[in-house]
Amino acid sequence: MSNHKQQRDSITDNIKDGAGAVFHAAHKGLEATEKIAMGTVDTTSNAVKNLTGNENETK
C-alpha cells in the first residue's frame, strides 16, 4: 500500500471517529434532556393527581 493511500485512509478514519464521537455526545445530551423532560412530566402528573384527588375527597 502506498504511503499516500495510508495517509488518506488515516484521515478518513479520523474523520469517521470524530463524527462518531460528536454523534455519541449529541445522543447522550438528547437522552439527558429526555430524562429531565419525562421527570418534569411525571412530577406534573403527580401534582395534578394529588390536587384532583384532594378536591374529590372534599366534595
PDB file of N, CA and C in Angstrom:
ATOM      1  N   MET A   1       0.856  -1.169   0.000  1.00  0.00           N
ATOM      2  CA  MET A   1       0.000   0.000   0.000  1.00  0.00           C
ATOM      3  C   MET A   1       0.903   1.234   0.000  1.00  0.00           C
ATOM      4  N   SER A   2       0.552   2.201  -0.824  1.00  0.00           N
ATOM      5  CA  SER A   2       1.382   3.399  -0.920  1.00  0.00           C
ATOM      6  C   SER A   2       1.193   4.264   0.317  1.00  0.00           C
ATOM      7  N   ASN A   3       2.207   5.075   0.560  1.00  0.00           N
ATOM      8  CA  ASN A   3       2.168   5.990   1.701  1.00  0.00           C
ATOM      9  C   ASN A   3       1.000   6.969   1.568  1.00  0.00           C
ATOM     10  N   HIS A   4       0.749   7.414   0.332  1.00  0.00           N
ATOM     11  CA  HIS A   4      -0.349   8.359   0.090  1.00  0.00           C
ATOM     12  C   HIS A   4      -1.695   7.729   0.461  1.00  0.00           C
ATOM     13  N   LYS A   5      -1.894   6.468   0.078  1.00  0.00           N
ATOM     14  CA  LYS A   5      -3.151   5.780   0.400  1.00  0.00           C
ATOM     15  C   LYS A   5      -3.283   5.594   1.910  1.00  0.00           C
ATOM     16  N   GLN A   6      -2.174   5.269   2.579  1.00  0.00           N
ATOM     17  CA  GLN A   6      -2.217   5.110   4.032  1.00  0.00           C
ATOM     18  C   GLN A   6      -2.600   6.427   4.709  1.00  0.00           C
ATOM     19  N   GLN A   7      -2.035   7.525   4.232  1.00  0.00           N
ATOM     20  CA  GLN A   7      -2.363   8.834   4.800  1.00  0.00           C
ATOM     21  C   GLN A   7      -3.836   9.170   4.566  1.00  0.00           C
ATOM     22  N   ARG A   8      -4.298   8.915   3.357  1.00  0.00           N
ATOM     23  CA  ARG A   8      -5.698   9.191   3.023  1.00  0.00           C
ATOM     24  C   ARG A   8      -6.630   8.345   3.886  1.00  0.00           C
ATOM     25  N   ASP A   9      -6.308   7.062   4.053  1.00  0.00           N
ATOM     26  CA  ASP A   9      -7.123   6.180   4.885  1.00  0.00           C
ATOM     27  C   ASP A   9      -7.106   6.635   6.342  1.00  0.00           C
ATOM     28  N   SER A  10      -5.957   7.086   6.804  1.00  0.00           N
ATOM     29  CA  SER A  10      -5.838   7.573   8.176  1.00  0.00           C
ATOM     30  C   SER A  10      -6.703   8.813   8.392  1.00  0.00           C
ATOM     31  N   ILE A  11      -6.677   9.718   7.434  1.00  0.00           N
ATOM     32  CA  ILE A  11      -7.502  10.930   7.521  1.00  0.00           C
ATOM     33  C   ILE A  11      -8.980  10.554   7.515  1.00  0.00           C
ATOM     34  N   THR A  12      -9.346   9.638   6.639  1.00  0.00           N
ATOM     35  CA  THR A  12     -10.738   9.181   6.564  1.00  0.00           C
ATOM     36  C   THR A  12     -11.176   8.561   7.887  1.00  0.00           C
ATOM     37  N   ASP A  13     -10.324   7.718   8.454  1.00  0.00           N
ATOM     38  CA  ASP A  13     -10.650   7.092   9.740  1.00  0.00           C
ATOM     39  C   ASP A  13     -10.792   8.138  10.841  1.00  0.00           C
ATOM     40  N   ASN A  14      -9.925   9.145  10.846  1.00  0.00           N
ATOM     41  CA  ASN A  14     -10.007  10.206  11.853  1.00  0.00           C
ATOM     42  C   ASN A  14     -11.310  10.994  11.719  1.00  0.00           C
ATOM     43  N   ILE A  15     -11.719  11.260  10.493  1.00  0.00           N
ATOM     44  CA  ILE A  15     -12.985  11.972  10.267  1.00  0.00           C
ATOM     45  C   ILE A  15     -14.152  11.128  10.771  1.00  0.00           C
ATOM     46  N   LYS A  16     -14.139   9.836  10.445  1.00  0.00           N
ATOM     47  CA  LYS A  16     -15.206   8.939  10.909  1.00  0.00           C
ATOM     48  C   LYS A  16     -15.238   8.874  12.435  1.00  0.00           C
ATOM     49  N   ASP A  17     -14.070   8.752  13.055  1.00  0.00           N
ATOM     50  CA  ASP A  17     -14.001   8.687  14.516  1.00  0.00           C
ATOM     51  C   ASP A  17     -14.516   9.976  15.148  1.00  0.00           C
ATOM     52  N   GLY A  18     -14.132  11.102  14.566  1.00  0.00           N
ATOM     53  CA  GLY A  18     -14.596  12.396  15.076  1.00  0.00           C
ATOM     54  C   GLY A  18     -16.100  12.548  14.942  1.00  0.00           C
ATOM     55  N   ALA A  19     -16.622  12.160  13.798  1.00  0.00           N
ATOM     56  CA  ALA A  19     -18.069  12.241  13.580  1.00  0.00           C
ATOM     57  C   ALA A  19     -18.806  11.311  14.541  1.00  0.00           C
ATOM     58  N   GLY A  20     -18.257  10.146  14.760  1.00  0.00           N
ATOM     59  CA  GLY A  20     -18.873   9.208  15.706  1.00  0.00           C
ATOM     60  C   GLY A  20     -18.891   9.766  17.114  1.00  0.00           C
ATOM     61  N   ALA A  21     -17.797  10.396  17.521  1.00  0.00           N
ATOM     62  CA  ALA A  21     -17.730  10.993  18.856  1.00  0.00           C
ATOM     63  C   ALA A  21     -18.754  12.113  19.003  1.00  0.00           C
ATOM     64  N   VAL A  22     -18.893  12.935  17.974  1.00  0.00           N
ATOM     65  CA  VAL A  22     -19.879  14.022  18.008  1.00  0.00           C
ATOM     66  C   VAL A  22     -21.287  13.442  18.084  1.00  0.00           C
ATOM     67  N   PHE A  23     -21.561  12.419  17.298  1.00  0.00           N
ATOM     68  CA  PHE A  23     -22.883  11.787  17.322  1.00  0.00           C
ATOM     69  C   PHE A  23     -23.190  11.246  18.710  1.00  0.00           C
ATOM     70  N   HIS A  24     -22.241  10.539  19.309  1.00  0.00           N
ATOM     71  CA  HIS A  24     -22.470   9.958  20.630  1.00  0.00           C
ATOM     72  C   HIS A  24     -22.682  11.040  21.685  1.00  0.00           C
ATOM     73  N   ALA A  25     -21.934  12.126  21.600  1.00  0.00           N
ATOM     74  CA  ALA A  25     -22.112  13.230  22.547  1.00  0.00           C
ATOM     75  C   ALA A  25     -23.495  13.856  22.392  1.00  0.00           C
ATOM     76  N   ALA A  26     -23.917  14.066  21.155  1.00  0.00           N
ATOM     77  CA  ALA A  26     -25.244  14.640  20.910  1.00  0.00           C
ATOM     78  C   ALA A  26     -26.332  13.691  21.403  1.00  0.00           C
ATOM     79  N   HIS A  27     -26.154  12.412  21.150  1.00  0.00           N
ATOM     80  CA  HIS A  27     -27.133  11.415  21.582  1.00  0.00           C
ATOM     81  C   HIS A  27     -27.234  11.386  23.107  1.00  0.00           C
ATOM     82  N   LYS A  28     -26.099  11.434  23.767  1.00  0.00           N
ATOM     83  CA  LYS A  28     -26.083  11.442  25.231  1.00  0.00           C
ATOM     84  C   LYS A  28     -26.792  12.687  25.765  1.00  0.00           C
ATOM     85  N   GLY A  29     -26.559  13.822  25.116  1.00  0.00           N
ATOM     86  CA  GLY A  29     -27.232  15.058  25.511  1.00  0.00           C
ATOM     87  C   GLY A  29     -28.737  14.966  25.333  1.00  0.00           C
ATOM     88  N   LEU A  30     -29.164  14.370  24.234  1.00  0.00           N
ATOM     89  CA  LEU A  30     -30.603  14.195  23.996  1.00  0.00           C
ATOM     90  C   LEU A  30     -31.231  13.255  25.025  1.00  0.00           C
ATOM     91  N   GLU A  31     -30.514  12.200  25.386  1.00  0.00           N
ATOM     92  CA  GLU A  31     -31.034  11.283  26.397  1.00  0.00           C
ATOM     93  C   GLU A  31     -31.178  11.984  27.743  1.00  0.00           C
ATOM     94  N   ALA A  32     -30.209  12.826  28.088  1.00  0.00           N
ATOM     95  CA  ALA A  32     -30.288  13.577  29.344  1.00  0.00           C
ATOM     96  C   ALA A  32     -31.468  14.540  29.319  1.00  0.00           C
ATOM     97  N   THR A  33     -31.665  15.202  28.189  1.00  0.00           N
ATOM     98  CA  THR A  33     -32.794  16.127  28.048  1.00  0.00           C
ATOM     99  C   THR A  33     -34.116  15.382  28.167  1.00  0.00           C
ATOM    100  N   GLU A  34     -34.196  14.220  27.534  1.00  0.00           N
ATOM    101  CA  GLU A  34     -35.418  13.418  27.607  1.00  0.00           C
ATOM    102  C   GLU A  34     -35.698  12.987  29.044  1.00  0.00           C
ATOM    103  N   LYS A  35     -34.658  12.597  29.760  1.00  0.00           N
ATOM    104  CA  LYS A  35     -34.824  12.162  31.151  1.00  0.00           C
ATOM    105  C   LYS A  35     -35.371  13.305  32.002  1.00  0.00           C
ATOM    106  N   ILE A  36     -34.828  14.500  31.816  1.00  0.00           N
ATOM    107  CA  ILE A  36     -35.303  15.669  32.560  1.00  0.00           C
ATOM    108  C   ILE A  36     -36.748  15.980  32.191  1.00  0.00           C
ATOM    109  N   ALA A  37     -37.049  15.959  30.901  1.00  0.00           N
ATOM    110  CA  ALA A  37     -38.408  16.265  30.444  1.00  0.00           C
ATOM    111  C   ALA A  37     -39.412  15.260  30.998  1.00  0.00           C
ATOM    112  N   MET A  38     -39.074  13.989  30.959  1.00  0.00           N
ATOM    113  CA  MET A  38     -40.001  12.974  31.461  1.00  0.00           C
ATOM    114  C   MET A  38     -40.156  13.083  32.976  1.00  0.00           C
ATOM    115  N   GLY A  39     -39.098  13.449  33.668  1.00  0.00           N
ATOM    116  CA  GLY A  39     -39.206  13.682  35.109  1.00  0.00           C
ATOM    117  C   GLY A  39     -40.152  14.829  35.407  1.00  0.00           C
ATOM    118  N   THR A  40     -40.078  15.873  34.595  1.00  0.00           N
ATOM    119  CA  THR A  40     -40.976  17.014  34.751  1.00  0.00           C
ATOM    120  C   THR A  40     -42.418  16.608  34.481  1.00  0.00           C
ATOM    121  N   VAL A  41     -42.627  15.810  33.447  1.00  0.00           N
ATOM    122  CA  VAL A  41     -43.975  15.324  33.130  1.00  0.00           C
ATOM    123  C   VAL A  41     -44.512  14.478  34.280  1.00  0.00           C
ATOM    124  N   ASP A  42     -43.691  13.589  34.813  1.00  0.00           N
ATOM    125  CA  ASP A  42     -44.127  12.743  35.926  1.00  0.00           C
ATOM    126  C   ASP A  42     -44.476  13.580  37.153  1.00  0.00           C
ATOM    127  N   THR A  43     -43.642  14.563  37.462  1.00  0.00           N
ATOM    128  CA  THR A  43     -43.896  15.437  38.610  1.00  0.00           C
ATOM    129  C   THR A  43     -45.189  16.214  38.426  1.00  0.00           C
ATOM    130  N   THR A  44     -45.389  16.744  37.236  1.00  0.00           N
ATOM    131  CA  THR A  44     -46.621  17.489  36.947  1.00  0.00           C
ATOM    132  C   THR A  44     -47.835  16.576  37.036  1.00  0.00           C
ATOM    133  N   SER A  45     -47.721  15.384  36.485  1.00  0.00           N
ATOM    134  CA  SER A  45     -48.818  14.418  36.532  1.00  0.00           C
ATOM    135  C   SER A  45     -49.170  14.076  37.974  1.00  0.00           C
ATOM    136  N   ASN A  46     -48.169  13.842  38.796  1.00  0.00           N
ATOM    137  CA  ASN A  46     -48.415  13.524  40.203  1.00  0.00           C
ATOM    138  C   ASN A  46     -49.062  14.695  40.927  1.00  0.00           C
ATOM    139  N   ALA A  47     -48.614  15.907  40.631  1.00  0.00           N
ATOM    140  CA  ALA A  47     -49.198  17.092  41.260  1.00  0.00           C
ATOM    141  C   ALA A  47     -50.667  17.235  40.876  1.00  0.00           C
ATOM    142  N   VAL A  48     -50.977  17.022  39.607  1.00  0.00           N
ATOM    143  CA  VAL A  48     -52.371  17.114  39.151  1.00  0.00           C
ATOM    144  C   VAL A  48     -53.215  16.034  39.819  1.00  0.00           C
ATOM    145  N   LYS A  49     -52.685  14.818  39.907  1.00  0.00           N
ATOM    146  CA  LYS A  49     -53.419  13.734  40.569  1.00  0.00           C
ATOM    147  C   LYS A  49     -53.681  14.079  42.030  1.00  0.00           C
ATOM    148  N   ASN A  50     -52.670  14.623  42.702  1.00  0.00           N
ATOM    149  CA  ASN A  50     -52.833  14.993  44.107  1.00  0.00           C
ATOM    150  C   ASN A  50     -53.879  16.084  44.276  1.00  0.00           C
ATOM    151  N   LEU A  51     -53.842  17.091  43.424  1.00  0.00           N
ATOM    152  CA  LEU A  51     -54.825  18.172  43.509  1.00  0.00           C
ATOM    153  C   LEU A  51     -56.226  17.662  43.205  1.00  0.00           C
ATOM    154  N   THR A  52     -56.340  16.859  42.178  1.00  0.00           N
ATOM    155  CA  THR A  52     -57.635  16.313  41.788  1.00  0.00           C
ATOM    156  C   THR A  52     -58.160  15.382  42.870  1.00  0.00           C
ATOM    157  N   GLY A  53     -57.294  14.565  43.412  1.00  0.00           N
ATOM    158  CA  GLY A  53     -57.686  13.642  44.477  1.00  0.00           C
ATOM    159  C   GLY A  53     -58.152  14.390  45.707  1.00  0.00           C
ATOM    160  N   ASN A  54     -57.455  15.453  46.064  1.00  0.00           N
ATOM    161  CA  ASN A  54     -57.841  16.247  47.226  1.00  0.00           C
ATOM    162  C   ASN A  54     -59.180  16.919  46.999  1.00  0.00           C
ATOM    163  N   GLU A  55     -59.432  17.410  45.800  1.00  0.00           N
ATOM    164  CA  GLU A  55     -60.707  18.059  45.501  1.00  0.00           C
ATOM    165  C   GLU A  55     -61.846  17.055  45.547  1.00  0.00           C
ATOM    166  N   ASN A  56     -61.607  15.859  45.027  1.00  0.00           N
ATOM    167  CA  ASN A  56     -62.656  14.840  45.021  1.00  0.00           C
ATOM    168  C   ASN A  56     -63.003  14.392  46.438  1.00  0.00           C
ATOM    169  N   GLU A  57     -62.022  14.340  47.322  1.00  0.00           N
ATOM    170  CA  GLU A  57     -62.264  13.901  48.688  1.00  0.00           C
ATOM    171  C   GLU A  57     -63.043  14.934  49.485  1.00  0.00           C
ATOM    172  N   THR A  58     -62.909  16.217  49.143  1.00  0.00           N
ATOM    173  CA  THR A  58     -63.585  17.259  49.909  1.00  0.00           C
ATOM    174  C   THR A  58     -65.006  17.493  49.448  1.00  0.00           C
ATOM    175  N   LYS A  59     -65.413  16.919  48.332  1.00  0.00           N
ATOM    176  CA  LYS A  59     -66.774  17.125  47.813  1.00  0.00           C
ATOM    177  C   LYS A  59     -67.760  16.239  48.508  1.00  0.00           C
TER     178      LYS A  59
END
